[in-house]
Protein backbone atom coordinates (compact mmCIF):
# COMPACT_ATOMS: atom_id res chain seq x y z
CA MET A 1 22.73 -148.22 8.65
CA LEU A 2 19.76 -150.39 7.85
CA LYS A 3 19.02 -150.39 11.53
CA ARG A 4 18.75 -146.48 11.54
CA ILE A 5 16.53 -146.48 8.52
CA ALA A 6 14.19 -148.95 10.20
CA ILE A 7 14.05 -146.84 13.27
CA TYR A 8 13.14 -143.72 11.15
CA ILE A 9 10.43 -145.72 9.43
CA CYS A 10 9.01 -146.91 12.75
CA LEU A 11 8.96 -143.39 14.06
CA ILE A 12 7.15 -142.13 11.02
CA VAL A 13 4.61 -144.96 11.29
CA LEU A 14 4.16 -144.26 14.95
CA VAL A 15 3.45 -140.69 14.33
CA MET A 16 0.94 -141.51 11.73
CA VAL A 17 -0.76 -143.94 14.08
CA ILE A 18 -0.96 -141.41 16.79
CA VAL A 19 -2.48 -138.94 14.53
CA GLY A 20 -4.94 -141.55 13.25
CA CYS A 21 -6.08 -142.53 16.73
CA SER A 22 -6.89 -139.00 17.80
CA SER A 23 -10.57 -137.66 18.18
CA PRO A 24 -12.53 -137.58 15.04
CA THR A 25 -12.31 -134.34 13.22
CA PRO A 26 -15.67 -132.56 13.70
CA THR A 27 -17.62 -131.90 10.64
CA ALA A 28 -18.17 -128.24 10.25
CA THR A 29 -21.90 -127.81 10.51
CA PRO A 30 -22.69 -124.58 8.91
CA ILE A 31 -24.61 -122.37 11.31
CA PRO A 32 -26.92 -120.30 9.38
CA PRO A 33 -26.46 -116.71 10.51
CA THR A 34 -29.37 -115.30 12.29
CA ALA A 35 -30.28 -112.26 10.33
CA THR A 36 -30.42 -109.51 12.81
CA ALA A 37 -32.45 -106.92 11.16
CA VAL A 38 -30.26 -103.92 10.98
CA PRO A 39 -32.67 -101.13 10.69
CA THR A 40 -32.53 -99.78 7.28
CA ASN A 41 -32.24 -96.08 7.30
CA THR A 42 -35.34 -95.47 5.43
CA ALA A 43 -34.83 -92.09 4.03
CA THR A 44 -37.67 -89.99 5.22
CA PRO A 45 -38.80 -88.53 2.08
CA LEU A 46 -38.40 -84.84 2.04
CA SER A 47 -41.66 -83.16 1.61
CA THR A 48 -42.15 -83.30 -1.97
CA SER A 49 -41.97 -79.79 -3.14
CA THR A 50 -44.78 -79.55 -5.45
CA PRO A 51 -43.74 -76.49 -7.35
CA THR A 52 -46.37 -73.90 -7.06
CA GLN A 53 -46.88 -72.36 -10.34
CA VAL A 54 -45.75 -68.86 -9.71
CA PRO A 55 -47.71 -66.83 -12.08
CA SER A 56 -45.55 -64.89 -14.38
CA PRO A 57 -45.70 -61.33 -13.29
CA THR A 58 -47.94 -59.29 -15.37
CA ALA A 59 -45.75 -56.75 -16.92
CA THR A 60 -47.01 -53.50 -15.48
CA ALA A 61 -46.24 -50.83 -17.90
CA VAL A 62 -43.71 -48.60 -16.24
CA PRO A 63 -44.52 -45.11 -17.37
CA THR A 64 -41.90 -43.85 -19.64
CA ASN A 65 -40.28 -40.75 -18.21
CA THR A 66 -40.90 -38.42 -20.99
CA PRO A 67 -38.33 -35.73 -20.29
CA THR A 68 -39.83 -32.33 -19.81
CA PRO A 69 -38.12 -30.22 -22.37
CA LEU A 70 -35.88 -27.61 -20.81
CA PRO A 71 -36.89 -24.11 -21.68
CA THR A 72 -34.94 -22.77 -24.51
CA ALA A 73 -32.46 -20.27 -23.11
CA THR A 74 -33.13 -16.94 -24.63
CA PHE A 75 -29.98 -14.92 -24.37
CA THR A 76 -30.75 -11.26 -23.96
CA SER A 77 -27.70 -9.28 -24.86
CA THR A 78 -27.04 -7.27 -21.70
CA PRO A 79 -24.63 -4.48 -22.46
CA LYS A 80 -21.44 -4.87 -20.49
CA PRO A 81 -20.64 -1.92 -18.30
CA THR A 82 -17.63 0.05 -19.38
CA ALA A 83 -14.86 -0.64 -16.94
CA THR A 84 -14.09 2.69 -15.38
CA SER A 85 -10.97 2.68 -13.30
CA THR A 86 -11.69 4.64 -10.13
CA PRO A 87 -8.47 5.87 -8.56
CA ALA A 88 -8.04 4.89 -4.94
CA THR A 89 -7.40 8.48 -3.93
CA GLU A 90 -8.51 11.85 -5.22
CA THR A 91 -4.93 13.04 -5.69
CA SER A 92 -1.48 11.52 -6.15
CA VAL A 93 1.76 13.24 -5.22
CA ILE A 94 3.99 13.75 -8.26
CA LEU A 95 6.58 16.19 -6.89
CA THR A 96 8.03 16.78 -3.44
CA ASP A 97 10.87 19.11 -2.57
CA ASN A 98 12.13 19.56 0.98
CA PHE A 99 15.37 21.21 -0.20
CA ASP A 100 17.39 18.86 2.01
CA SER A 101 19.79 17.53 -0.59
CA LYS A 102 20.13 18.44 -4.26
CA CYS A 103 18.69 21.84 -5.14
CA LEU A 104 16.12 21.41 -7.94
CA LEU A 105 15.64 25.16 -8.40
CA THR A 106 18.03 27.84 -9.66
CA VAL A 107 21.23 28.28 -7.66
CA SER A 108 22.71 31.73 -8.20
CA ASP A 109 24.81 34.26 -6.31
CA THR A 110 25.30 37.64 -7.99
CA ALA A 111 25.52 41.25 -6.96
CA ASP A 112 21.72 41.52 -7.30
CA ARG A 113 20.46 38.28 -5.82
CA THR A 114 21.27 35.03 -4.04
CA LEU A 115 19.16 31.95 -4.74
CA GLY A 116 19.83 28.48 -3.35
CA CYS A 117 19.22 25.78 -0.77
CA GLN A 118 20.27 26.59 2.78
CA GLY A 119 19.51 24.56 5.89
CA GLY A 120 16.71 22.54 4.28
CA GLU A 121 14.96 25.58 2.76
CA TYR A 122 15.10 27.38 -0.57
CA VAL A 123 16.22 30.92 0.28
CA MET A 124 15.66 33.79 -2.14
CA THR A 125 17.46 37.05 -1.37
CA ASN A 126 16.93 40.32 -3.22
CA LYS A 127 20.08 42.40 -2.76
CA VAL A 128 18.83 45.56 -4.49
CA ALA A 129 15.77 47.74 -4.07
CA ASN A 130 12.50 47.02 -5.85
CA LYS A 131 13.55 43.87 -7.67
CA LEU A 132 11.59 40.69 -8.23
CA TRP A 133 13.40 37.39 -8.69
CA SER A 134 11.84 34.09 -9.70
CA ALA A 135 12.86 30.42 -9.87
CA TYR A 136 10.87 27.75 -11.74
CA TYR A 137 10.63 23.98 -11.92
CA PRO A 138 10.95 22.61 -15.48
CA GLU A 139 7.77 20.52 -15.53
CA SER A 140 4.39 21.84 -16.64
CA TYR A 141 1.15 21.09 -14.78
CA ASP A 142 -2.48 21.72 -15.69
CA ASP A 143 -4.76 20.40 -12.91
CA PHE A 144 -2.90 20.08 -9.62
CA VAL A 145 -2.79 20.75 -5.88
CA ALA A 146 0.32 22.60 -4.66
CA GLU A 147 1.26 23.20 -1.03
CA PHE A 148 4.30 24.82 0.53
CA ASP A 149 5.56 26.76 3.55
CA ALA A 150 7.07 30.24 3.32
CA ARG A 151 8.57 32.66 5.84
CA VAL A 152 10.10 36.10 5.49
CA MET A 153 13.72 36.50 6.59
CA GLY A 154 16.42 39.12 6.56
CA ALA A 155 16.07 42.87 6.81
CA ASN A 156 13.09 44.57 8.35
CA THR A 157 11.69 45.68 5.00
CA PRO A 158 8.38 45.02 3.23
CA VAL A 159 8.64 41.77 1.28
CA GLU A 160 6.35 40.16 -1.24
CA PHE A 161 6.59 36.46 -2.04
CA GLY A 162 4.47 33.77 -3.55
CA LEU A 163 3.81 31.33 -6.34
CA TRP A 164 3.80 31.54 -10.11
CA PHE A 165 1.80 28.75 -11.73
CA ARG A 166 0.56 27.67 -15.16
CA SER A 167 3.38 29.87 -16.34
CA THR A 168 4.40 29.97 -20.02
CA ALA A 169 6.37 32.38 -22.18
CA ASN A 170 3.53 34.90 -22.35
CA ARG A 171 1.08 34.12 -19.56
CA ALA A 172 1.07 33.12 -15.89
CA TYR A 173 -0.94 33.29 -12.68
CA MET A 174 0.63 34.92 -9.62
CA LEU A 175 -0.48 34.44 -6.02
CA TYR A 176 1.39 36.94 -3.87
CA PHE A 177 1.59 37.59 -0.14
CA PHE A 178 2.75 40.64 1.79
CA SER A 179 4.88 40.45 4.88
CA GLN A 180 2.41 42.92 6.38
CA GLY A 181 -0.29 40.23 6.35
CA GLY A 182 -2.08 40.49 3.01
CA TYR A 183 -2.39 38.80 -0.34
CA GLY A 184 -3.48 39.32 -3.92
CA PHE A 185 -3.94 37.27 -7.07
CA GLY A 186 -3.77 38.05 -10.74
CA VAL A 187 -2.78 36.91 -14.22
CA ASN A 188 -0.19 38.23 -16.64
CA PHE A 189 -0.96 37.82 -20.34
CA ASN A 190 1.34 39.28 -22.98
CA SER A 191 2.74 41.68 -20.35
CA ASP A 192 -0.80 42.83 -19.44
CA TRP A 193 -1.53 42.35 -15.74
CA THR A 194 -5.09 41.74 -14.55
CA ASP A 195 -6.03 41.72 -10.87
CA LEU A 196 -8.28 38.74 -10.20
CA ILE A 197 -8.15 39.53 -6.48
CA GLU A 198 -6.97 42.98 -5.52
CA ALA A 199 -4.32 43.23 -2.84
CA VAL A 200 -6.06 43.03 0.51
CA LYS A 201 -5.17 42.51 4.15
CA SER A 202 -6.32 39.23 5.65
CA ASP A 203 -6.24 37.68 9.11
CA ALA A 204 -5.62 34.35 7.40
CA VAL A 205 -2.13 35.51 6.37
CA LYS A 206 0.50 35.69 9.11
CA SER A 207 2.62 38.83 9.15
CA GLY A 208 6.27 39.49 9.93
CA PHE A 209 8.59 36.52 10.19
CA GLU A 210 5.90 33.93 10.92
CA LYS A 211 5.62 30.94 8.62
CA ASN A 212 2.64 30.70 6.27
CA HIS A 213 1.32 27.48 4.80
CA VAL A 214 -0.03 28.06 1.29
CA LYS A 215 -2.26 25.81 -0.79
CA VAL A 216 -3.42 26.25 -4.39
CA ILE A 217 -5.87 24.00 -6.26
CA ALA A 218 -6.02 24.54 -10.02
CA GLN A 219 -8.79 22.45 -11.62
CA GLY A 220 -9.97 23.38 -15.08
CA ASN A 221 -11.04 27.02 -14.96
CA GLN A 222 -11.42 26.95 -11.16
CA ILE A 223 -8.59 28.12 -8.91
CA ALA A 224 -9.00 27.83 -5.13
CA LEU A 225 -6.58 29.62 -2.81
CA PHE A 226 -5.84 28.86 0.85
CA ALA A 227 -3.55 30.20 3.57
CA ASN A 228 -2.92 28.43 6.86
CA GLY A 229 -5.92 26.18 6.37
CA GLN A 230 -8.33 29.03 5.61
CA HIS A 231 -10.06 29.46 2.28
CA LEU A 232 -9.13 32.79 0.74
CA ASP A 233 -11.19 32.63 -2.43
CA THR A 234 -12.05 30.60 -5.53
CA ILE A 235 -11.61 32.28 -8.90
CA THR A 236 -12.90 31.31 -12.34
CA ASP A 237 -10.51 32.14 -15.18
CA THR A 238 -9.35 30.50 -18.41
CA THR A 239 -6.37 32.65 -19.36
CA SER A 240 -3.69 30.01 -18.77
CA PRO A 241 -4.63 26.29 -18.76
CA THR A 242 -1.17 24.82 -18.14
CA GLY A 243 2.42 25.74 -17.41
CA ARG A 244 5.28 25.63 -14.93
CA ILE A 245 5.28 26.54 -11.26
CA GLY A 246 7.85 28.64 -9.45
CA PHE A 247 8.52 30.95 -6.51
CA PHE A 248 9.40 34.63 -6.37
CA VAL A 249 10.55 37.31 -3.95
CA TRP A 250 10.33 41.11 -4.08
CA SER A 251 11.41 43.67 -1.52
CA LYS A 252 11.17 47.42 -1.35
CA ASP A 253 14.66 47.69 0.10
CA PRO A 254 17.80 45.58 -0.37
CA ASN A 255 18.25 42.25 1.42
CA GLY A 256 14.64 41.21 1.53
CA GLN A 257 14.49 37.42 1.90
CA VAL A 258 11.99 34.59 1.82
CA ALA A 259 12.55 30.92 2.65
CA ILE A 260 10.45 28.20 0.95
CA ASP A 261 10.03 24.68 2.30
CA ASN A 262 7.97 21.46 2.12
CA LEU A 263 6.66 21.75 -1.42
CA THR A 264 4.29 19.03 -2.67
CA VAL A 265 2.54 18.96 -6.02
CA SER A 266 -0.22 16.40 -6.58
CA LYS A 267 -2.13 15.53 -9.71
CA ILE A 268 -5.92 15.42 -9.48
CA ASN A 269 -7.24 11.90 -10.20
CA ARG A 270 -10.92 12.74 -10.05
CA PRO A 271 -12.73 16.07 -9.72
CA LEU A 272 -12.45 17.76 -6.35
CA THR A 273 -15.25 19.71 -4.76
CA LEU A 274 -13.99 23.25 -4.37
CA PRO A 275 -15.43 25.88 -2.04
CA ALA A 276 -17.47 28.57 -3.72
CA GLY A 277 -15.88 31.87 -4.56
CA LYS A 278 -16.59 34.92 -2.48
CA PRO A 279 -18.90 37.61 -3.83
CA GLN A 280 -16.85 39.85 -6.05
CA ALA A 281 -16.93 43.60 -6.12
CA ALA A 282 -16.88 45.40 -9.43
CA LYS A 283 -14.22 43.85 -11.62
CA PRO A 284 -11.03 45.85 -11.31
CA THR A 285 -9.66 47.62 -14.31
CA PRO A 286 -6.99 45.43 -15.93
CA MET A 287 -3.44 46.67 -15.98
CA PRO A 288 -2.88 48.61 -19.15
CA THR A 289 -0.67 47.31 -21.89
CA ILE A 290 2.82 48.66 -21.51
CA PRO A 291 3.58 50.72 -24.60
CA ALA A 292 6.69 49.86 -26.56
CA GLY A 293 9.79 51.31 -24.96
CA MET A 294 8.04 51.92 -21.62
CA GLY A 295 7.95 50.23 -18.24
CA GLY A 296 5.28 49.93 -15.55
CA LEU A 297 5.13 50.58 -11.81
CA MET A 298 2.38 49.06 -9.67
CA VAL A 299 2.06 50.91 -6.35
CA THR A 300 -0.13 49.29 -3.66
CA ASN A 301 -1.31 51.17 -0.57
CA PHE A 302 -2.28 49.07 2.48
CA TYR A 303 -2.97 52.07 4.62
CA GLY A 304 -6.44 53.35 5.30
CA ASN A 305 -5.47 56.81 4.07
CA GLU A 306 -4.54 58.10 0.66
CA ILE A 307 -0.81 58.36 -0.11
CA ASN A 308 0.69 61.32 -1.96
CA TYR A 309 3.24 59.57 -4.16
CA GLU A 310 5.68 61.50 -6.32
CA ILE A 311 7.88 60.02 -9.05
CA GLY A 312 9.32 61.45 -12.25
CA GLY A 313 8.34 64.93 -11.18
CA LYS A 314 4.66 64.02 -11.05
CA LEU A 315 2.34 63.60 -8.03
CA HIS A 316 0.06 60.53 -7.90
CA LYS A 317 -2.76 59.92 -5.42
CA ILE A 318 -2.59 56.28 -4.33
CA PRO A 319 -6.06 55.37 -2.99
CA ALA A 320 -6.48 53.95 0.51
CA ASN A 321 -6.23 50.14 0.40
CA GLY A 322 -5.82 50.36 -3.35
CA THR A 323 -3.39 50.05 -6.23
CA GLN A 324 -2.33 52.41 -8.98
CA ILE A 325 -0.41 51.72 -12.20
CA ILE A 326 2.17 54.27 -13.37
CA LEU A 327 3.82 54.03 -16.81
CA LEU A 328 7.34 55.40 -17.13
CA ALA A 329 10.23 55.36 -19.53
CA PRO A 330 13.00 52.94 -18.53
CA GLY A 331 15.53 54.31 -16.06
CA LYS A 332 16.14 55.10 -12.40
CA TYR A 333 13.78 57.47 -10.66
CA PRO A 334 13.75 59.10 -7.23
CA PHE A 335 10.40 58.73 -5.49
CA SER A 336 8.76 59.92 -2.31
CA ALA A 337 5.61 58.98 -0.44
CA ASP A 338 3.77 61.17 2.03
CA ILE A 339 1.74 58.92 4.30
CA PRO A 340 -0.70 60.67 6.63
CA ALA A 341 -0.05 59.95 10.30
CA LYS A 342 2.99 57.89 9.32
CA GLY A 343 5.47 60.28 7.82
CA ARG A 344 7.41 60.63 4.63
CA ALA A 345 9.67 58.09 2.91
CA GLY A 346 11.55 57.90 -0.34
CA GLY A 347 14.28 56.30 -2.35
CA THR A 348 15.24 55.32 -5.89
CA ILE A 349 13.53 52.78 -8.11
CA GLU A 350 14.54 51.34 -11.49
CA ILE A 351 11.97 50.93 -14.25
CA GLN A 352 12.58 48.38 -17.00
CA ALA A 353 11.08 48.36 -20.48
CA GLY A 354 8.08 46.05 -20.92
CA VAL A 355 8.05 45.02 -17.24
CA TYR A 356 5.87 45.93 -14.28
CA THR A 357 7.72 46.68 -11.05
CA THR A 358 5.67 46.44 -7.86
CA GLN A 359 5.87 48.55 -4.74
CA ALA A 360 3.77 48.16 -1.58
CA TRP A 361 3.27 50.52 1.35
CA ALA A 362 2.20 49.21 4.73
CA ASP A 363 3.29 48.72 8.31
CA ARG A 364 5.41 45.62 8.68
């Protein structure tokens, strides 16, 4: 054991000797570092900005916008125009009747007459001699335009037909046409008849069974009459300002007929310009008032020769192309007419109290 310890001691000493006999440890001579001049980044001085004294702007006086005063609005009171409603058309249709469905006029069938709608027409038949039958619409009209078609039918006998208008209980206008190709116009007031246009032949009116187109314009006191597009005349009269319209038929012999169709009635929205009236001859003598208990007969002669007309035992001279009024007591009278170059004719006529019965003589 002691031997091992001695060995360890010798080894330790040996090591120490070896280490002590080695080269001398150099003394660290400090080497002063050579100062390599690292270039100093000398900051190039920025150009010194010597502030230039900017002179304070001289305050230039900006002109004050003095507002130009607006002119004072002077309001002149301009009168407003009165709003006048101008109708789009001169006339407006207010009644049409083509007689195709419901009959708006009288429907009647008696021993004396037949009135009613047949085949799209209004047919008026007088079954007895020298009778006048009428049929009216219920409405009244003052200013209007009425148009219709009419044709004579039935027996080969003189027939009168036409239009009543502005008809009331005691006054009415009557435009009448003759199947011989003539017309007339008048007014009845309190049973007094006045011819406004004496019965006259006219080429404007078709004769026989041909259809006539009739037009009447009633505007204030002006009444313009037309047939088949031709102006017959314009009359000024104030007797009847308003009333109903209706149709009538008269025939000298039984079974005289007229057919009416295509009626239109239009109201007048603004004044129409009417054709001037024709120059008038001397005003005809008005029909005399029928005395109480009497009746009247109006005989019209379309021939160019005077007619010797006898009734009630008295002879009357009916002037050529003229009319004569005969007053008689009510009752039935035989009559006869002697027509130069034509012959003689006669029959029986009934006169009614307070009523004028018409009779016309002409070639059909």
